[in-house]
């Protein structure tokens, strides 16, 4: 039960971090394109890969700690449900923006996860 509470607390922190970062980016960039969600997803993928790489190479993270960090914090921090909704919302009025968001999020997320994994393995 304690492990689940830690995961839940980490999830709450991840949610607050996502809302804060995404909101700040949206305020800076404007509401015309979901830059905040794109950046949050890319950063979340990078951090997920980094945590995985570090746990493989330098820092032996227990399964419990990995669950707290990856499933709890990063699971709540990354926002593919919001990504899907934003993309769907753009689709009707701005199909090219919707396509750019889908392709950009997936491509940048994959690249960021690979980079994080590589950096984690180097550390």
N, C-alpha and C. Protein backbone atom coordinates (compact mmCIF):
# COMPACT_ATOMS: atom_id res chain seq x y z
N UNK A 1 0.82 -1.20 0.00
CA UNK A 1 0.00 0.00 0.00
C UNK A 1 0.86 1.27 0.00
N UNK A 2 1.97 1.25 0.74
CA UNK A 2 2.84 2.42 0.79
C UNK A 2 3.37 2.75 -0.61
N UNK A 3 3.76 1.73 -1.37
CA UNK A 3 4.26 1.94 -2.73
C UNK A 3 3.21 2.64 -3.59
N UNK A 4 1.97 2.23 -3.49
CA UNK A 4 0.91 2.86 -4.26
C UNK A 4 0.70 4.32 -3.87
N UNK A 5 0.86 4.61 -2.60
CA UNK A 5 0.73 6.00 -2.15
C UNK A 5 1.87 6.86 -2.71
N UNK A 6 3.08 6.30 -2.76
CA UNK A 6 4.20 7.03 -3.34
C UNK A 6 3.97 7.27 -4.83
N UNK A 7 3.46 6.26 -5.53
CA UNK A 7 3.17 6.42 -6.96
C UNK A 7 2.10 7.48 -7.16
N UNK A 8 1.08 7.46 -6.32
CA UNK A 8 0.01 8.45 -6.42
C UNK A 8 0.54 9.86 -6.14
N UNK A 9 1.38 10.00 -5.13
CA UNK A 9 1.96 11.31 -4.82
C UNK A 9 2.83 11.80 -5.96
N UNK A 10 3.64 10.90 -6.52
CA UNK A 10 4.48 11.26 -7.66
C UNK A 10 3.61 11.64 -8.86
N UNK A 11 2.50 10.94 -9.03
CA UNK A 11 1.57 11.27 -10.11
C UNK A 11 0.97 12.66 -9.93
N UNK A 12 0.63 13.00 -8.71
CA UNK A 12 0.10 14.34 -8.44
C UNK A 12 1.16 15.40 -8.76
N UNK A 13 2.41 15.14 -8.37
CA UNK A 13 3.49 16.07 -8.67
C UNK A 13 3.70 16.18 -10.18
N UNK A 14 3.64 15.05 -10.89
CA UNK A 14 3.79 15.07 -12.34
C UNK A 14 2.69 15.86 -13.02
N UNK A 15 1.47 15.70 -12.52
CA UNK A 15 0.35 16.45 -13.07
C UNK A 15 0.55 17.95 -12.88
N UNK A 16 0.94 18.34 -11.68
CA UNK A 16 1.17 19.76 -11.41
C UNK A 16 2.31 20.31 -12.27
N UNK A 17 3.35 19.52 -12.45
CA UNK A 17 4.47 19.94 -13.29
C UNK A 17 4.02 20.10 -14.75
N UNK A 18 3.20 19.15 -15.22
CA UNK A 18 2.68 19.24 -16.60
C UNK A 18 1.83 20.48 -16.79
N UNK A 19 0.91 20.72 -15.89
CA UNK A 19 0.03 21.88 -16.01
C UNK A 19 0.84 23.17 -15.96
N UNK A 20 1.82 23.23 -15.06
CA UNK A 20 2.65 24.43 -14.96
C UNK A 20 3.47 24.68 -16.21
N UNK A 21 4.17 23.66 -16.68
CA UNK A 21 5.02 23.82 -17.87
C UNK A 21 4.19 24.11 -19.11
N UNK A 22 3.15 23.32 -19.31
CA UNK A 22 2.32 23.50 -20.50
C UNK A 22 1.66 24.88 -20.49
N UNK A 23 1.18 25.29 -19.34
CA UNK A 23 0.55 26.62 -19.24
C UNK A 23 1.54 27.74 -19.51
N UNK A 24 2.75 27.61 -18.98
CA UNK A 24 3.77 28.65 -19.19
C UNK A 24 4.14 28.75 -20.66
N UNK A 25 4.32 27.60 -21.31
CA UNK A 25 4.68 27.61 -22.74
C UNK A 25 3.54 28.19 -23.56
N UNK A 26 2.32 27.83 -23.25
CA UNK A 26 1.16 28.35 -23.98
C UNK A 26 1.05 29.86 -23.81
N UNK A 27 1.30 30.35 -22.60
CA UNK A 27 1.27 31.80 -22.39
C UNK A 27 2.35 32.51 -23.22
N UNK A 28 3.52 31.89 -23.33
CA UNK A 28 4.61 32.49 -24.10
C UNK A 28 4.39 32.39 -25.60
N UNK A 29 3.96 31.22 -26.06
CA UNK A 29 3.85 30.97 -27.50
C UNK A 29 2.49 31.34 -28.08
N UNK A 30 1.49 31.44 -27.23
CA UNK A 30 0.14 31.72 -27.72
C UNK A 30 -0.65 30.44 -27.92
N UNK A 31 -1.96 30.57 -28.01
CA UNK A 31 -2.83 29.39 -28.06
C UNK A 31 -3.05 28.79 -29.45
N UNK A 32 -2.41 29.28 -30.48
CA UNK A 32 -2.68 28.82 -31.84
C UNK A 32 -2.24 27.40 -32.14
N UNK A 33 -1.28 26.89 -31.41
CA UNK A 33 -0.76 25.54 -31.62
C UNK A 33 -0.40 24.99 -30.24
N UNK A 34 -0.63 23.70 -29.99
CA UNK A 34 -0.38 23.15 -28.64
C UNK A 34 1.11 22.92 -28.34
N UNK A 35 1.89 24.01 -28.40
CA UNK A 35 3.33 23.91 -28.12
C UNK A 35 3.60 23.40 -26.71
N UNK A 36 2.78 23.80 -25.75
CA UNK A 36 3.00 23.37 -24.37
C UNK A 36 2.92 21.86 -24.22
N UNK A 37 1.94 21.24 -24.84
CA UNK A 37 1.79 19.79 -24.77
C UNK A 37 2.90 19.10 -25.54
N UNK A 38 3.26 19.64 -26.71
CA UNK A 38 4.35 19.06 -27.49
C UNK A 38 5.65 19.07 -26.69
N UNK A 39 5.97 20.20 -26.07
CA UNK A 39 7.19 20.30 -25.27
C UNK A 39 7.13 19.39 -24.05
N UNK A 40 5.99 19.34 -23.39
CA UNK A 40 5.84 18.49 -22.22
C UNK A 40 6.02 17.02 -22.59
N UNK A 41 5.41 16.59 -23.68
CA UNK A 41 5.56 15.20 -24.11
C UNK A 41 7.01 14.89 -24.47
N UNK A 42 7.67 15.80 -25.17
CA UNK A 42 9.07 15.57 -25.54
C UNK A 42 9.95 15.49 -24.29
N UNK A 43 9.76 16.41 -23.36
CA UNK A 43 10.55 16.40 -22.14
C UNK A 43 10.25 15.14 -21.32
N UNK A 44 8.98 14.76 -21.25
CA UNK A 44 8.63 13.53 -20.52
C UNK A 44 9.26 12.30 -21.13
N UNK A 45 9.27 12.22 -22.46
CA UNK A 45 9.91 11.08 -23.14
C UNK A 45 11.41 11.08 -22.89
N UNK A 46 12.03 12.26 -22.94
CA UNK A 46 13.46 12.37 -22.67
C UNK A 46 13.77 11.89 -21.24
N UNK A 47 13.01 12.37 -20.27
CA UNK A 47 13.25 11.99 -18.88
C UNK A 47 12.98 10.51 -18.63
N UNK A 48 11.97 9.95 -19.29
CA UNK A 48 11.68 8.53 -19.16
C UNK A 48 12.86 7.71 -19.68
N UNK A 49 13.37 8.08 -20.86
CA UNK A 49 14.52 7.40 -21.43
C UNK A 49 15.76 7.58 -20.57
N UNK A 50 15.95 8.77 -20.04
CA UNK A 50 17.09 9.04 -19.17
C UNK A 50 17.03 8.17 -17.92
N UNK A 51 15.88 8.09 -17.30
CA UNK A 51 15.73 7.24 -16.10
C UNK A 51 15.99 5.78 -16.43
N UNK A 52 15.50 5.33 -17.58
CA UNK A 52 15.73 3.93 -17.98
C UNK A 52 17.21 3.69 -18.24
N UNK A 53 17.84 4.60 -18.94
CA UNK A 53 19.26 4.45 -19.25
C UNK A 53 20.13 4.51 -18.01
N UNK A 54 19.83 5.44 -17.10
CA UNK A 54 20.60 5.52 -15.87
C UNK A 54 20.46 4.26 -15.03
N UNK A 55 19.27 3.72 -15.00
CA UNK A 55 19.06 2.52 -14.17
C UNK A 55 19.76 1.31 -14.78
N UNK A 56 20.00 1.34 -16.10
CA UNK A 56 20.73 0.25 -16.75
C UNK A 56 22.23 0.36 -16.53
N UNK A 57 22.75 1.59 -16.47
CA UNK A 57 24.19 1.74 -16.53
C UNK A 57 24.84 2.16 -15.22
N UNK A 58 24.35 3.18 -14.57
CA UNK A 58 25.07 3.76 -13.45
C UNK A 58 24.33 3.66 -12.11
N UNK A 59 23.08 3.95 -12.15
CA UNK A 59 22.31 4.02 -10.90
C UNK A 59 21.32 2.87 -10.89
N UNK A 60 21.54 1.94 -10.02
CA UNK A 60 20.64 0.78 -9.93
C UNK A 60 19.38 1.21 -9.18
N UNK A 61 18.34 1.50 -9.94
CA UNK A 61 17.07 1.87 -9.32
C UNK A 61 16.25 0.61 -9.06
N UNK A 62 15.72 0.54 -7.88
CA UNK A 62 14.87 -0.60 -7.57
C UNK A 62 13.59 -0.52 -8.40
N UNK A 63 12.90 -1.65 -8.59
CA UNK A 63 11.63 -1.61 -9.31
C UNK A 63 10.62 -0.66 -8.65
N UNK A 64 10.69 -0.54 -7.35
CA UNK A 64 9.77 0.36 -6.65
C UNK A 64 10.05 1.82 -7.02
N UNK A 65 11.32 2.19 -7.00
CA UNK A 65 11.69 3.58 -7.33
C UNK A 65 11.39 3.86 -8.79
N UNK A 66 11.70 2.92 -9.66
CA UNK A 66 11.38 3.11 -11.08
C UNK A 66 9.88 3.29 -11.27
N UNK A 67 9.07 2.53 -10.55
CA UNK A 67 7.62 2.69 -10.65
C UNK A 67 7.16 4.06 -10.20
N UNK A 68 7.77 4.55 -9.13
CA UNK A 68 7.40 5.88 -8.62
C UNK A 68 7.78 6.95 -9.64
N UNK A 69 9.00 6.86 -10.18
CA UNK A 69 9.48 7.88 -11.11
C UNK A 69 8.79 7.75 -12.47
N UNK A 70 8.80 6.54 -13.02
CA UNK A 70 8.33 6.39 -14.39
C UNK A 70 6.80 6.29 -14.48
N UNK A 71 6.20 5.42 -13.71
CA UNK A 71 4.74 5.29 -13.79
C UNK A 71 4.05 6.44 -13.08
N UNK A 72 4.59 6.84 -11.93
CA UNK A 72 3.95 7.90 -11.14
C UNK A 72 4.17 9.27 -11.74
N UNK A 73 5.38 9.81 -11.55
CA UNK A 73 5.65 11.18 -11.98
C UNK A 73 5.56 11.34 -13.49
N UNK A 74 6.34 10.55 -14.24
CA UNK A 74 6.39 10.74 -15.69
C UNK A 74 5.11 10.29 -16.38
N UNK A 75 4.44 9.30 -15.82
CA UNK A 75 3.16 8.88 -16.39
C UNK A 75 2.11 9.98 -16.33
N UNK A 76 2.14 10.74 -15.25
CA UNK A 76 1.21 11.87 -15.12
C UNK A 76 1.72 13.11 -15.85
N UNK A 77 3.03 13.22 -15.98
CA UNK A 77 3.62 14.39 -16.62
C UNK A 77 3.40 14.38 -18.13
N UNK A 78 3.57 13.23 -18.78
CA UNK A 78 3.33 13.15 -20.21
C UNK A 78 1.83 13.08 -20.45
N UNK A 79 1.40 13.60 -21.56
CA UNK A 79 -0.02 13.88 -21.72
C UNK A 79 -0.56 13.47 -23.08
N UNK A 80 -0.43 12.22 -23.41
CA UNK A 80 -0.91 11.84 -24.73
C UNK A 80 -2.42 11.90 -24.87
N UNK A 81 -3.14 11.84 -23.78
CA UNK A 81 -4.59 12.02 -23.90
C UNK A 81 -4.89 13.46 -24.30
N UNK A 82 -4.20 14.40 -23.72
CA UNK A 82 -4.37 15.80 -24.10
C UNK A 82 -3.88 16.02 -25.53
N UNK A 83 -2.79 15.38 -25.86
CA UNK A 83 -2.26 15.45 -27.23
C UNK A 83 -3.31 14.98 -28.23
N UNK A 84 -3.95 13.87 -27.95
CA UNK A 84 -4.95 13.34 -28.87
C UNK A 84 -6.14 14.30 -29.00
N UNK A 85 -6.58 14.85 -27.88
CA UNK A 85 -7.71 15.78 -27.90
C UNK A 85 -7.35 17.04 -28.67
N UNK A 86 -6.18 17.61 -28.42
CA UNK A 86 -5.75 18.81 -29.13
C UNK A 86 -5.64 18.55 -30.63
N UNK A 87 -5.10 17.40 -30.98
CA UNK A 87 -4.97 17.05 -32.41
C UNK A 87 -6.33 16.90 -33.06
N UNK A 88 -7.24 16.23 -32.37
CA UNK A 88 -8.59 16.05 -32.90
C UNK A 88 -9.29 17.40 -33.05
N UNK A 89 -9.10 18.27 -32.08
CA UNK A 89 -9.72 19.59 -32.14
C UNK A 89 -9.19 20.41 -33.31
N UNK A 90 -7.91 20.29 -33.59
CA UNK A 90 -7.32 21.01 -34.72
C UNK A 90 -7.77 20.43 -36.06
N UNK A 91 -8.10 19.15 -36.09
CA UNK A 91 -8.36 18.45 -37.33
C UNK A 91 -9.46 19.10 -38.17
N UNK A 92 -10.54 19.51 -37.54
CA UNK A 92 -11.66 20.07 -38.28
C UNK A 92 -11.35 21.40 -38.95
N UNK A 93 -10.67 22.28 -38.24
CA UNK A 93 -10.43 23.62 -38.76
C UNK A 93 -9.05 23.80 -39.40
N UNK A 94 -8.07 23.07 -38.88
CA UNK A 94 -6.69 23.24 -39.36
C UNK A 94 -6.04 21.87 -39.50
N UNK A 95 -6.42 21.10 -40.52
CA UNK A 95 -5.92 19.73 -40.66
C UNK A 95 -4.39 19.64 -40.78
N UNK A 96 -3.75 20.61 -41.41
CA UNK A 96 -2.29 20.55 -41.51
C UNK A 96 -1.63 20.77 -40.15
N UNK A 97 -2.22 21.62 -39.33
CA UNK A 97 -1.70 21.82 -37.97
C UNK A 97 -1.90 20.55 -37.16
N UNK A 98 -3.02 19.88 -37.35
CA UNK A 98 -3.27 18.61 -36.65
C UNK A 98 -2.24 17.57 -37.07
N UNK A 99 -1.99 17.47 -38.36
CA UNK A 99 -1.00 16.53 -38.87
C UNK A 99 0.40 16.86 -38.34
N UNK A 100 0.75 18.14 -38.33
CA UNK A 100 2.05 18.57 -37.82
C UNK A 100 2.19 18.21 -36.34
N UNK A 101 1.11 18.38 -35.58
CA UNK A 101 1.15 18.05 -34.16
C UNK A 101 1.33 16.55 -33.94
N UNK A 102 0.61 15.73 -34.70
CA UNK A 102 0.72 14.28 -34.55
C UNK A 102 2.12 13.80 -34.96
N UNK A 103 2.56 14.18 -36.14
CA UNK A 103 3.86 13.73 -36.63
C UNK A 103 4.98 14.30 -35.76
N UNK A 104 4.88 15.57 -35.43
CA UNK A 104 5.91 16.20 -34.61
C UNK A 104 6.00 15.59 -33.23
N UNK A 105 4.87 15.35 -32.59
CA UNK A 105 4.88 14.77 -31.24
C UNK A 105 5.48 13.37 -31.24
N UNK A 106 5.10 12.56 -32.21
CA UNK A 106 5.62 11.19 -32.25
C UNK A 106 7.11 11.21 -32.60
N UNK A 107 7.50 11.95 -33.61
CA UNK A 107 8.90 11.98 -34.02
C UNK A 107 9.79 12.56 -32.93
N UNK A 108 9.39 13.70 -32.37
CA UNK A 108 10.19 14.33 -31.32
C UNK A 108 10.20 13.45 -30.07
N UNK A 109 9.08 12.83 -29.73
CA UNK A 109 9.03 11.94 -28.56
C UNK A 109 9.95 10.75 -28.71
N UNK A 110 9.94 10.12 -29.87
CA UNK A 110 10.84 8.98 -30.11
C UNK A 110 12.30 9.41 -30.05
N UNK A 111 12.61 10.53 -30.68
CA UNK A 111 13.99 11.01 -30.67
C UNK A 111 14.43 11.39 -29.25
N UNK A 112 13.55 12.04 -28.50
CA UNK A 112 13.90 12.44 -27.13
C UNK A 112 14.08 11.23 -26.23
N UNK A 113 13.22 10.22 -26.38
CA UNK A 113 13.37 9.00 -25.58
C UNK A 113 14.69 8.30 -25.91
N UNK A 114 15.04 8.23 -27.19
CA UNK A 114 16.30 7.61 -27.59
C UNK A 114 17.49 8.39 -27.05
N UNK A 115 17.42 9.71 -27.13
CA UNK A 115 18.49 10.56 -26.61
C UNK A 115 18.63 10.38 -25.09
N UNK A 116 17.51 10.39 -24.39
CA UNK A 116 17.55 10.19 -22.94
C UNK A 116 18.15 8.85 -22.56
N UNK A 117 17.75 7.82 -23.27
CA UNK A 117 18.30 6.48 -23.02
C UNK A 117 19.80 6.47 -23.26
N UNK A 118 20.23 7.08 -24.38
CA UNK A 118 21.66 7.14 -24.69
C UNK A 118 22.43 7.93 -23.62
N UNK A 119 21.90 9.08 -23.23
CA UNK A 119 22.57 9.90 -22.21
C UNK A 119 22.63 9.17 -20.87
N UNK A 120 21.55 8.49 -20.54
CA UNK A 120 21.55 7.72 -19.30
C UNK A 120 22.57 6.61 -19.30
N UNK A 121 22.76 6.00 -20.43
CA UNK A 121 23.75 4.91 -20.53
C UNK A 121 25.18 5.46 -20.47
N UNK A 122 25.38 6.68 -20.91
CA UNK A 122 26.71 7.29 -20.89
C UNK A 122 27.12 7.77 -19.50
N UNK A 123 26.14 8.11 -18.69
CA UNK A 123 26.43 8.73 -17.38
C UNK A 123 27.18 7.80 -16.46
